[in-house]
Amino acid sequence: MRLDDKAHEIIKHEVASQLGSEAIVRLFGSRIDDSQRGGDIDLFIEPGRTLAQRIQAECQLAACLYIKLGGRKVDVLIKNPLEPALAIHEQALKNGIVL
């Protein structure tokens, strides 16, 4: 996993702050492969509760993490519990690493 301890802690803190401590965060995409270089940070989050404004929450969290991680691009996917899973959600669940 190509994510240093400081970035890991920032992500966990901001997700808990904005979505609650029960949220499960998974890192997926190119950052889980130690043989690759670069790439954005892809996060899949299961908040444990339904969010009325899911897209707004994704954008706010991504912007906050972009700033706190020094300009690193962060893609955030939030899966509301009652919504059907998309292919990207299933891929993140299958291959993602829980932070």
C-alpha atoms as a PDB file:
ATOM      1  CA  MET A   1       0.000   0.000   0.000  1.00  0.00           C
ATOM      2  CA  ARG A   2       1.469   3.319  -1.077  1.00  0.00           C
ATOM      3  CA  LEU A   3       0.118   5.612   1.598  1.00  0.00           C
ATOM      4  CA  ASP A   4       2.318   6.971   4.372  1.00  0.00           C
ATOM      5  CA  ASP A   5       1.260   6.987   8.022  1.00  0.00           C
ATOM      6  CA  LYS A   6       0.578  10.725   8.082  1.00  0.00           C
ATOM      7  CA  ALA A   7      -1.758  10.556   5.052  1.00  0.00           C
ATOM      8  CA  HIS A   8      -3.442   7.492   6.549  1.00  0.00           C
ATOM      9  CA  GLU A   9      -4.161   9.351   9.793  1.00  0.00           C
ATOM     10  CA  ILE A  10      -5.396  12.481   8.005  1.00  0.00           C
ATOM     11  CA  ILE A  11      -7.809  10.415   5.931  1.00  0.00           C
ATOM     12  CA  LYS A  12      -9.140   8.484   8.934  1.00  0.00           C
ATOM     13  CA  HIS A  13      -9.548  11.676  10.973  1.00  0.00           C
ATOM     14  CA  GLU A  14     -11.374  13.613   8.243  1.00  0.00           C
ATOM     15  CA  VAL A  15     -13.689  10.729   7.368  1.00  0.00           C
ATOM     16  CA  ALA A  16     -14.598  10.257  11.033  1.00  0.00           C
ATOM     17  CA  SER A  17     -15.081  14.004  11.451  1.00  0.00           C
ATOM     18  CA  GLN A  18     -17.353  14.385   8.431  1.00  0.00           C
ATOM     19  CA  LEU A  19     -19.101  10.999   8.209  1.00  0.00           C
ATOM     20  CA  GLY A  20     -18.833   9.518  11.690  1.00  0.00           C
ATOM     21  CA  SER A  21     -16.442   7.150  13.410  1.00  0.00           C
ATOM     22  CA  GLU A  22     -18.437   4.109  12.254  1.00  0.00           C
ATOM     23  CA  ALA A  23     -17.523   4.766   8.592  1.00  0.00           C
ATOM     24  CA  ILE A  24     -15.404   2.108   6.913  1.00  0.00           C
ATOM     25  CA  VAL A  25     -12.720   3.481   4.590  1.00  0.00           C
ATOM     26  CA  ARG A  26     -11.031   1.413   1.898  1.00  0.00           C
ATOM     27  CA  LEU A  27      -8.086   2.421  -0.257  1.00  0.00           C
ATOM     28  CA  PHE A  28      -8.338   0.960  -3.764  1.00  0.00           C
ATOM     29  CA  GLY A  29      -6.945   1.530  -7.238  1.00  0.00           C
ATOM     30  CA  SER A  30      -3.293   2.048  -8.113  1.00  0.00           C
ATOM     31  CA  ARG A  31      -2.277   3.017  -4.568  1.00  0.00           C
ATOM     32  CA  ILE A  32      -2.715  -0.553  -3.315  1.00  0.00           C
ATOM     33  CA  ASP A  33      -0.039  -1.790  -5.752  1.00  0.00           C
ATOM     34  CA  ASP A  34       3.473  -1.202  -4.379  1.00  0.00           C
ATOM     35  CA  SER A  35       5.027  -1.776  -7.818  1.00  0.00           C
ATOM     36  CA  GLN A  36       3.297   1.267  -9.355  1.00  0.00           C
ATOM     37  CA  ARG A  37       4.204   4.921  -9.010  1.00  0.00           C
ATOM     38  CA  GLY A  38       2.135   8.057  -8.666  1.00  0.00           C
ATOM     39  CA  GLY A  39      -1.598   8.060  -9.087  1.00  0.00           C
ATOM     40  CA  ASP A  40      -4.412   9.638  -7.179  1.00  0.00           C
ATOM     41  CA  ILE A  41      -5.802   8.353  -3.899  1.00  0.00           C
ATOM     42  CA  ASP A  42      -9.001   6.384  -4.455  1.00  0.00           C
ATOM     43  CA  LEU A  43     -11.214   5.955  -1.390  1.00  0.00           C
ATOM     44  CA  PHE A  44     -14.370   3.879  -1.026  1.00  0.00           C
ATOM     45  CA  ILE A  45     -16.381   4.716   2.083  1.00  0.00           C
ATOM     46  CA  GLU A  46     -19.297   2.934   3.700  1.00  0.00           C
ATOM     47  CA  PRO A  47     -20.689   5.468   6.177  1.00  0.00           C
ATOM     48  CA  GLY A  48     -22.958   3.084   8.077  1.00  0.00           C
ATOM     49  CA  ARG A  49     -25.910   5.432   7.635  1.00  0.00           C
ATOM     50  CA  THR A  50     -27.723   6.901   4.668  1.00  0.00           C
ATOM     51  CA  LEU A  51     -26.565  10.342   3.607  1.00  0.00           C
ATOM     52  CA  ALA A  52     -29.235  12.657   2.202  1.00  0.00           C
ATOM     53  CA  GLN A  53     -26.589  14.609   0.246  1.00  0.00           C
ATOM     54  CA  ARG A  54     -24.120  11.866  -0.771  1.00  0.00           C
ATOM     55  CA  ILE A  55     -22.610  13.702  -3.742  1.00  0.00           C
ATOM     56  CA  GLN A  56     -22.129  16.866  -1.708  1.00  0.00           C
ATOM     57  CA  ALA A  57     -20.435  14.806   1.035  1.00  0.00           C
ATOM     58  CA  GLU A  58     -18.105  13.207  -1.546  1.00  0.00           C
ATOM     59  CA  CYS A  59     -17.117  16.604  -2.940  1.00  0.00           C
ATOM     60  CA  GLN A  60     -16.589  18.204   0.474  1.00  0.00           C
ATOM     61  CA  LEU A  61     -14.457  15.320   1.726  1.00  0.00           C
ATOM     62  CA  ALA A  62     -12.399  15.172  -1.480  1.00  0.00           C
ATOM     63  CA  ALA A  63     -11.740  18.938  -1.342  1.00  0.00           C
ATOM     64  CA  CYS A  64     -10.797  18.832   2.335  1.00  0.00           C
ATOM     65  CA  LEU A  65      -8.411  15.911   1.798  1.00  0.00           C
ATOM     66  CA  TYR A  66      -6.892  17.586  -1.261  1.00  0.00           C
ATOM     67  CA  ILE A  67      -5.960  20.570   0.894  1.00  0.00           C
ATOM     68  CA  LYS A  68      -4.817  18.613   3.963  1.00  0.00           C
ATOM     69  CA  LEU A  69      -2.744  16.181   1.875  1.00  0.00           C
ATOM     70  CA  GLY A  70      -0.819  18.968   0.171  1.00  0.00           C
ATOM     71  CA  GLY A  71      -2.569  18.994  -3.183  1.00  0.00           C
ATOM     72  CA  ARG A  72      -2.760  15.251  -3.798  1.00  0.00           C
ATOM     73  CA  LYS A  73      -5.782  14.356  -5.922  1.00  0.00           C
ATOM     74  CA  VAL A  74      -8.300  12.283  -3.980  1.00  0.00           C
ATOM     75  CA  ASP A  75     -11.288  10.490  -5.481  1.00  0.00           C
ATOM     76  CA  VAL A  76     -14.031   9.703  -2.959  1.00  0.00           C
ATOM     77  CA  LEU A  77     -16.848   7.207  -3.481  1.00  0.00           C
ATOM     78  CA  ILE A  78     -19.474   6.916  -0.772  1.00  0.00           C
ATOM     79  CA  LYS A  79     -21.871   3.967  -0.831  1.00  0.00           C
ATOM     80  CA  ASN A  80     -25.198   4.644   0.821  1.00  0.00           C
ATOM     81  CA  PRO A  81     -26.400   1.432   2.504  1.00  0.00           C
ATOM     82  CA  LEU A  82     -29.794   1.344   0.778  1.00  0.00           C
ATOM     83  CA  GLU A  83     -28.566   2.096  -2.753  1.00  0.00           C
ATOM     84  CA  PRO A  84     -27.696  -0.749  -5.136  1.00  0.00           C
ATOM     85  CA  ALA A  85     -23.994  -1.461  -5.546  1.00  0.00           C
ATOM     86  CA  LEU A  86     -22.301  -0.349  -8.743  1.00  0.00           C
ATOM     87  CA  ALA A  87     -19.488  -2.278 -10.461  1.00  0.00           C
ATOM     88  CA  ILE A  88     -16.911   0.189  -9.071  1.00  0.00           C
ATOM     89  CA  HIS A  89     -18.245  -0.408  -5.547  1.00  0.00           C
ATOM     90  CA  GLU A  90     -17.886  -4.171  -5.951  1.00  0.00           C
ATOM     91  CA  GLN A  91     -14.338  -3.744  -7.289  1.00  0.00           C
ATOM     92  CA  ALA A  92     -13.391  -1.550  -4.311  1.00  0.00           C
ATOM     93  CA  LEU A  93     -14.912  -4.046  -1.866  1.00  0.00           C
ATOM     94  CA  LYS A  94     -13.124  -6.961  -3.504  1.00  0.00           C
ATOM     95  CA  ASN A  95      -9.670  -5.377  -3.879  1.00  0.00           C
ATOM     96  CA  GLY A  96      -9.622  -2.471  -1.429  1.00  0.00           C
ATOM     97  CA  ILE A  97      -7.595  -2.300   1.760  1.00  0.00           C
ATOM     98  CA  VAL A  98      -9.419  -1.150   4.904  1.00  0.00           C
ATOM     99  CA  LEU A  99      -7.661   1.807   6.514  1.00  0.00           C
END
